[in-house]
Amino acid sequence: HSHQGLTYGGFILSPSATIADVMELFEAAIAYLRENGISEWIYKLIPSIYHRYPAMEDAYALFRHDARLIARGLSSAIDLHDPLKFRYDRRTGAKKAQKAGCTVRLASDLAPFWKILSENLMAVHGVLPVHSLEEMELLRDRFPHNIRCYETVLNGEVIAGALVYETHTTAHTQYLSASWFGKKYGALDLLLDRLIHEEYASKDWFDFGISTEEGGRMLNQGLVTQKEGFGARAVLYDIYKLALE
């Protein structure tokens, strides 16, 4: 398998890669793994919204080698070329935040948002973010054009934020969170309205990430309903197991 901390993996294909090339690539990889005593191969497909060109040759190769689907994460994404209308409560929340005087800005300091995020995760799930503040600052400094944090501010105080990973095609919200005041004033509704309709309007997709656990067998209905309220619809994150014995 590729790094297990990664949401998706698999081969990165050039635009010139044909199905014959990919079938040959799989044959070579399988032969190499068998020669080195590997008994099974876990393959995380790159979701289609992250493709710059149609690129599902690997999915076909997995089928041809009798790979078995072992996990299916359900993400929620928005087609930014033809976005659906926000649900009424999401539109109302954005207007409420704007009326209260909330503003959205690009964050230079991650610490205020990380405090909100950490407190919420600990209160609800008893865990801290996967990345520490120091790790995320390091990642952002190394990839300043691919990792950005946006925040909603009221009277000089950060009350909500979104940590966004950017690819050529897609803006992905790695972390979203709001303080008590942020939830009261609809701060995330305003923030996401700005990101979807202004900041990332030129991208192809806006991806909220998965709302599932246990390999997709448990759906967080409240979480996915919130994402659907912004016009997001289902995208699959599939993981396959290929037996090599």
Protein backbone atom coordinates (compact mmCIF):
# COMPACT_ATOMS: atom_id res chain seq x y z
CA HIS A 1 0.00 0.00 0.00
CA SER A 2 0.97 3.62 -0.32
CA HIS A 3 1.35 5.78 2.81
CA GLN A 4 -1.65 4.88 4.96
CA GLY A 5 -2.06 8.47 6.10
CA LEU A 6 -2.98 9.47 2.55
CA THR A 7 -6.63 9.78 1.57
CA TYR A 8 -5.94 8.37 -1.89
CA GLY A 9 -3.01 6.92 -3.81
CA GLY A 10 -2.43 4.83 -6.91
CA PHE A 11 -0.42 5.45 -10.03
CA ILE A 12 -0.01 8.99 -11.35
CA LEU A 13 -0.51 8.74 -15.10
CA SER A 14 0.66 11.09 -17.84
CA PRO A 15 -1.80 12.27 -20.53
CA SER A 16 -0.03 9.96 -22.99
CA ALA A 17 -0.71 6.81 -20.93
CA THR A 18 -2.97 4.37 -22.80
CA ILE A 19 -4.94 1.43 -21.45
CA ALA A 20 -2.30 -0.90 -22.94
CA ASP A 21 0.42 0.99 -21.04
CA VAL A 22 -1.47 0.73 -17.76
CA MET A 23 -2.25 -2.96 -18.19
CA GLU A 24 1.46 -3.58 -18.79
CA LEU A 25 2.32 -1.45 -15.75
CA PHE A 26 0.05 -3.56 -13.56
CA GLU A 27 1.54 -6.79 -14.88
CA ALA A 28 5.05 -5.52 -14.08
CA ALA A 29 4.04 -4.30 -10.61
CA ILE A 30 2.29 -7.56 -9.74
CA ALA A 31 5.29 -9.61 -10.90
CA TYR A 32 7.65 -7.46 -8.83
CA LEU A 33 5.49 -7.71 -5.70
CA ARG A 34 5.18 -11.49 -6.02
CA GLU A 35 8.92 -11.87 -6.49
CA ASN A 36 9.41 -9.98 -3.22
CA GLY A 37 7.01 -12.09 -1.20
CA ILE A 38 4.08 -9.63 -1.09
CA SER A 39 0.77 -11.47 -0.75
CA GLU A 40 -1.72 -8.64 -1.21
CA TRP A 41 -1.80 -5.13 -2.63
CA ILE A 42 -4.04 -2.36 -1.26
CA TYR A 43 -4.80 0.25 -3.93
CA LYS A 44 -6.56 3.56 -3.20
CA LEU A 45 -8.04 4.99 -6.38
CA ILE A 46 -7.60 8.70 -7.02
CA PRO A 47 -11.17 10.12 -7.03
CA SER A 48 -12.29 11.26 -10.48
CA ILE A 49 -12.62 14.91 -9.44
CA TYR A 50 -8.85 15.08 -8.95
CA HIS A 51 -8.12 13.92 -12.51
CA ARG A 52 -6.98 16.56 -14.99
CA TYR A 53 -8.03 14.19 -17.80
CA PRO A 54 -10.19 11.04 -17.79
CA ALA A 55 -7.92 8.47 -16.11
CA MET A 56 -9.71 5.33 -14.94
CA GLU A 57 -7.45 2.87 -16.68
CA ASP A 58 -6.21 1.64 -13.29
CA ALA A 59 -9.79 0.87 -12.17
CA TYR A 60 -10.22 -1.31 -15.25
CA ALA A 61 -6.89 -3.05 -14.61
CA LEU A 62 -7.95 -3.79 -11.03
CA PHE A 63 -11.17 -5.36 -12.34
CA ARG A 64 -9.23 -7.49 -14.81
CA HIS A 65 -7.06 -8.80 -11.97
CA ASP A 66 -10.10 -9.62 -9.80
CA ALA A 67 -9.36 -6.96 -7.19
CA ARG A 68 -12.00 -6.73 -4.47
CA LEU A 69 -13.58 -3.49 -3.27
CA ILE A 70 -12.88 -3.33 0.48
CA ALA A 71 -13.75 0.27 1.38
CA ARG A 72 -15.86 3.04 -0.12
CA GLY A 73 -15.69 6.49 1.45
CA LEU A 74 -18.49 8.89 0.57
CA SER A 75 -17.32 12.44 0.00
CA SER A 76 -19.39 15.48 -0.96
CA ALA A 77 -18.34 17.80 -3.78
CA ILE A 78 -19.68 20.79 -5.70
CA ASP A 79 -19.38 21.23 -9.47
CA LEU A 80 -18.10 24.80 -9.51
CA HIS A 81 -18.99 25.26 -13.18
CA ASP A 82 -22.66 24.64 -12.37
CA PRO A 83 -23.12 24.86 -8.57
CA LEU A 84 -26.44 23.98 -7.00
CA LYS A 85 -28.21 26.62 -4.96
CA PHE A 86 -27.51 26.72 -1.21
CA ARG A 87 -30.31 25.34 0.94
CA TYR A 88 -32.44 27.99 2.65
CA ASP A 89 -30.84 27.59 6.10
CA ARG A 90 -27.33 27.93 4.66
CA ARG A 91 -28.30 31.10 2.76
CA THR A 92 -29.93 32.48 5.89
CA GLY A 93 -26.81 31.74 7.94
CA ALA A 94 -24.56 33.56 5.48
CA LYS A 95 -26.84 36.61 5.51
CA LYS A 96 -26.96 36.57 9.31
CA ALA A 97 -23.16 36.56 9.54
CA GLN A 98 -22.86 39.37 7.03
CA LYS A 99 -25.48 41.45 8.85
CA ALA A 100 -23.62 40.92 12.15
CA GLY A 101 -20.49 42.42 10.58
CA CYS A 102 -18.50 39.25 9.97
CA THR A 103 -15.77 39.39 7.33
CA VAL A 104 -13.74 36.69 5.58
CA ARG A 105 -9.99 36.92 5.07
CA LEU A 106 -6.93 34.85 4.26
CA ALA A 107 -5.23 33.88 7.53
CA SER A 108 -1.56 34.60 8.11
CA ASP A 109 -1.53 33.03 11.59
CA LEU A 110 -2.98 29.52 11.92
CA ALA A 111 -3.01 29.50 15.74
CA PRO A 112 -6.46 31.10 16.36
CA PHE A 113 -8.22 28.69 14.01
CA TRP A 114 -6.24 25.71 15.34
CA LYS A 115 -7.41 26.54 18.85
CA ILE A 116 -11.05 26.49 17.73
CA LEU A 117 -10.55 23.28 15.75
CA SER A 118 -8.73 21.48 18.57
CA GLU A 119 -11.30 22.46 21.21
CA ASN A 120 -14.21 21.30 19.02
CA LEU A 121 -12.61 17.96 18.13
CA MET A 122 -11.73 17.27 21.76
CA ALA A 123 -15.24 18.18 22.97
CA VAL A 124 -17.08 16.10 20.35
CA HIS A 125 -14.72 13.21 19.57
CA GLY A 126 -12.11 13.29 22.33
CA VAL A 127 -9.27 13.68 19.81
CA LEU A 128 -6.97 16.37 18.47
CA PRO A 129 -6.46 17.21 14.76
CA VAL A 130 -4.39 14.68 12.79
CA HIS A 131 -1.80 17.44 12.25
CA SER A 132 -0.35 19.50 15.07
CA LEU A 133 -0.21 23.26 14.62
CA GLU A 134 3.54 23.04 14.05
CA GLU A 135 3.15 20.34 11.39
CA MET A 136 0.49 22.30 9.54
CA GLU A 137 2.56 25.49 9.63
CA LEU A 138 5.49 23.54 8.18
CA LEU A 139 3.31 22.08 5.40
CA ARG A 140 1.82 25.45 4.53
CA ASP A 141 5.26 27.07 4.42
CA ARG A 142 6.50 24.35 2.07
CA PHE A 143 3.42 24.50 -0.17
CA PRO A 144 2.16 28.11 0.04
CA HIS A 145 0.24 27.86 -3.24
CA ASN A 146 -1.49 24.61 -2.31
CA ILE A 147 -2.40 25.05 1.36
CA ARG A 148 -4.30 28.10 2.55
CA CYS A 149 -6.32 28.96 5.62
CA TYR A 150 -9.32 31.29 5.50
CA GLU A 151 -11.07 32.68 8.55
CA THR A 152 -14.24 34.49 9.50
CA VAL A 153 -13.66 37.44 11.83
CA LEU A 154 -16.09 39.36 14.05
CA ASN A 155 -14.92 42.42 15.97
CA GLY A 156 -11.32 41.40 15.45
CA GLU A 157 -11.84 37.85 16.79
CA VAL A 158 -11.50 34.69 14.68
CA ILE A 159 -14.76 32.74 15.05
CA ALA A 160 -14.50 30.20 12.20
CA GLY A 161 -11.99 28.88 9.70
CA ALA A 162 -11.28 26.54 6.81
CA LEU A 163 -7.94 24.92 5.96
CA VAL A 164 -8.01 24.29 2.20
CA TYR A 165 -5.80 22.01 0.09
CA GLU A 166 -5.67 23.08 -3.55
CA THR A 167 -4.92 20.99 -6.64
CA HIS A 168 -5.16 21.96 -10.29
CA THR A 169 -8.81 20.90 -10.43
CA THR A 170 -10.08 20.93 -6.87
CA ALA A 171 -10.25 22.87 -3.62
CA HIS A 172 -10.57 20.46 -0.68
CA THR A 173 -11.50 21.52 2.85
CA GLN A 174 -9.13 19.52 5.03
CA TYR A 175 -10.43 21.16 8.22
CA LEU A 176 -13.58 23.22 8.95
CA SER A 177 -14.58 24.52 12.35
CA ALA A 178 -16.36 27.36 14.15
CA SER A 179 -16.41 28.61 17.73
CA TRP A 180 -19.61 28.98 19.75
CA PHE A 181 -19.98 32.53 18.49
CA GLY A 182 -19.20 31.35 14.97
CA LYS A 183 -22.03 28.83 15.10
CA LYS A 184 -24.38 31.43 16.58
CA TYR A 185 -23.77 33.91 13.78
CA GLY A 186 -23.50 31.50 10.82
CA ALA A 187 -19.80 32.20 10.32
CA LEU A 188 -19.08 28.99 8.38
CA ASP A 189 -22.02 29.65 6.06
CA LEU A 190 -20.56 33.02 5.11
CA LEU A 191 -17.04 31.61 4.81
CA LEU A 192 -18.11 28.77 2.50
CA ASP A 193 -20.25 31.12 0.43
CA ARG A 194 -17.15 33.23 -0.24
CA LEU A 195 -14.91 30.25 -0.97
CA ILE A 196 -17.37 28.52 -3.31
CA HIS A 197 -18.68 31.52 -5.22
CA GLU A 198 -15.64 33.78 -5.24
CA GLU A 199 -12.26 32.47 -4.13
CA TYR A 200 -12.44 29.08 -5.88
CA ALA A 201 -15.05 29.77 -8.56
CA SER A 202 -12.46 29.14 -11.28
CA LYS A 203 -11.70 25.59 -10.05
CA ASP A 204 -13.62 22.58 -11.31
CA TRP A 205 -14.63 21.11 -7.95
CA PHE A 206 -15.03 22.03 -4.28
CA ASP A 207 -14.61 18.89 -2.17
CA PHE A 208 -15.68 18.69 1.48
CA GLY A 209 -14.12 15.25 2.05
CA ILE A 210 -15.68 12.08 3.39
CA SER A 211 -18.51 11.77 5.92
CA THR A 212 -17.95 8.06 6.55
CA GLU A 213 -16.04 5.86 8.98
CA GLU A 214 -15.13 2.16 9.18
CA GLY A 215 -14.33 1.92 5.47
CA GLY A 216 -17.60 3.59 4.51
CA ARG A 217 -19.87 1.29 6.50
CA MET A 218 -20.82 4.06 8.92
CA LEU A 219 -22.31 7.29 7.51
CA ASN A 220 -22.37 10.48 9.60
CA GLN A 221 -25.80 11.63 8.48
CA GLY A 222 -25.63 15.00 10.22
CA LEU A 223 -22.28 15.82 8.64
CA VAL A 224 -23.27 14.83 5.10
CA THR A 225 -26.57 16.71 5.41
CA GLN A 226 -24.66 19.87 6.32
CA LYS A 227 -22.47 19.50 3.22
CA GLU A 228 -25.47 18.79 1.01
CA GLY A 229 -26.94 22.07 2.23
CA PHE A 230 -24.20 23.89 0.31
CA GLY A 231 -25.09 22.01 -2.90
CA ALA A 232 -22.55 19.18 -2.56
CA ARG A 233 -23.31 15.71 -3.90
CA ALA A 234 -21.68 12.29 -3.58
CA VAL A 235 -18.20 11.39 -4.84
CA LEU A 236 -16.66 7.99 -4.03
CA TYR A 237 -13.24 7.28 -2.54
CA ASP A 238 -12.71 3.58 -3.34
CA ILE A 239 -10.07 1.21 -1.96
CA TYR A 240 -9.32 -2.20 -3.51
CA LYS A 241 -7.44 -5.28 -2.38
CA LEU A 242 -5.59 -7.36 -4.95
CA ALA A 243 -4.66 -10.89 -3.84
CA LEU A 244 -1.25 -11.89 -5.21
CA GLU A 245 -0.85 -15.42 -3.89
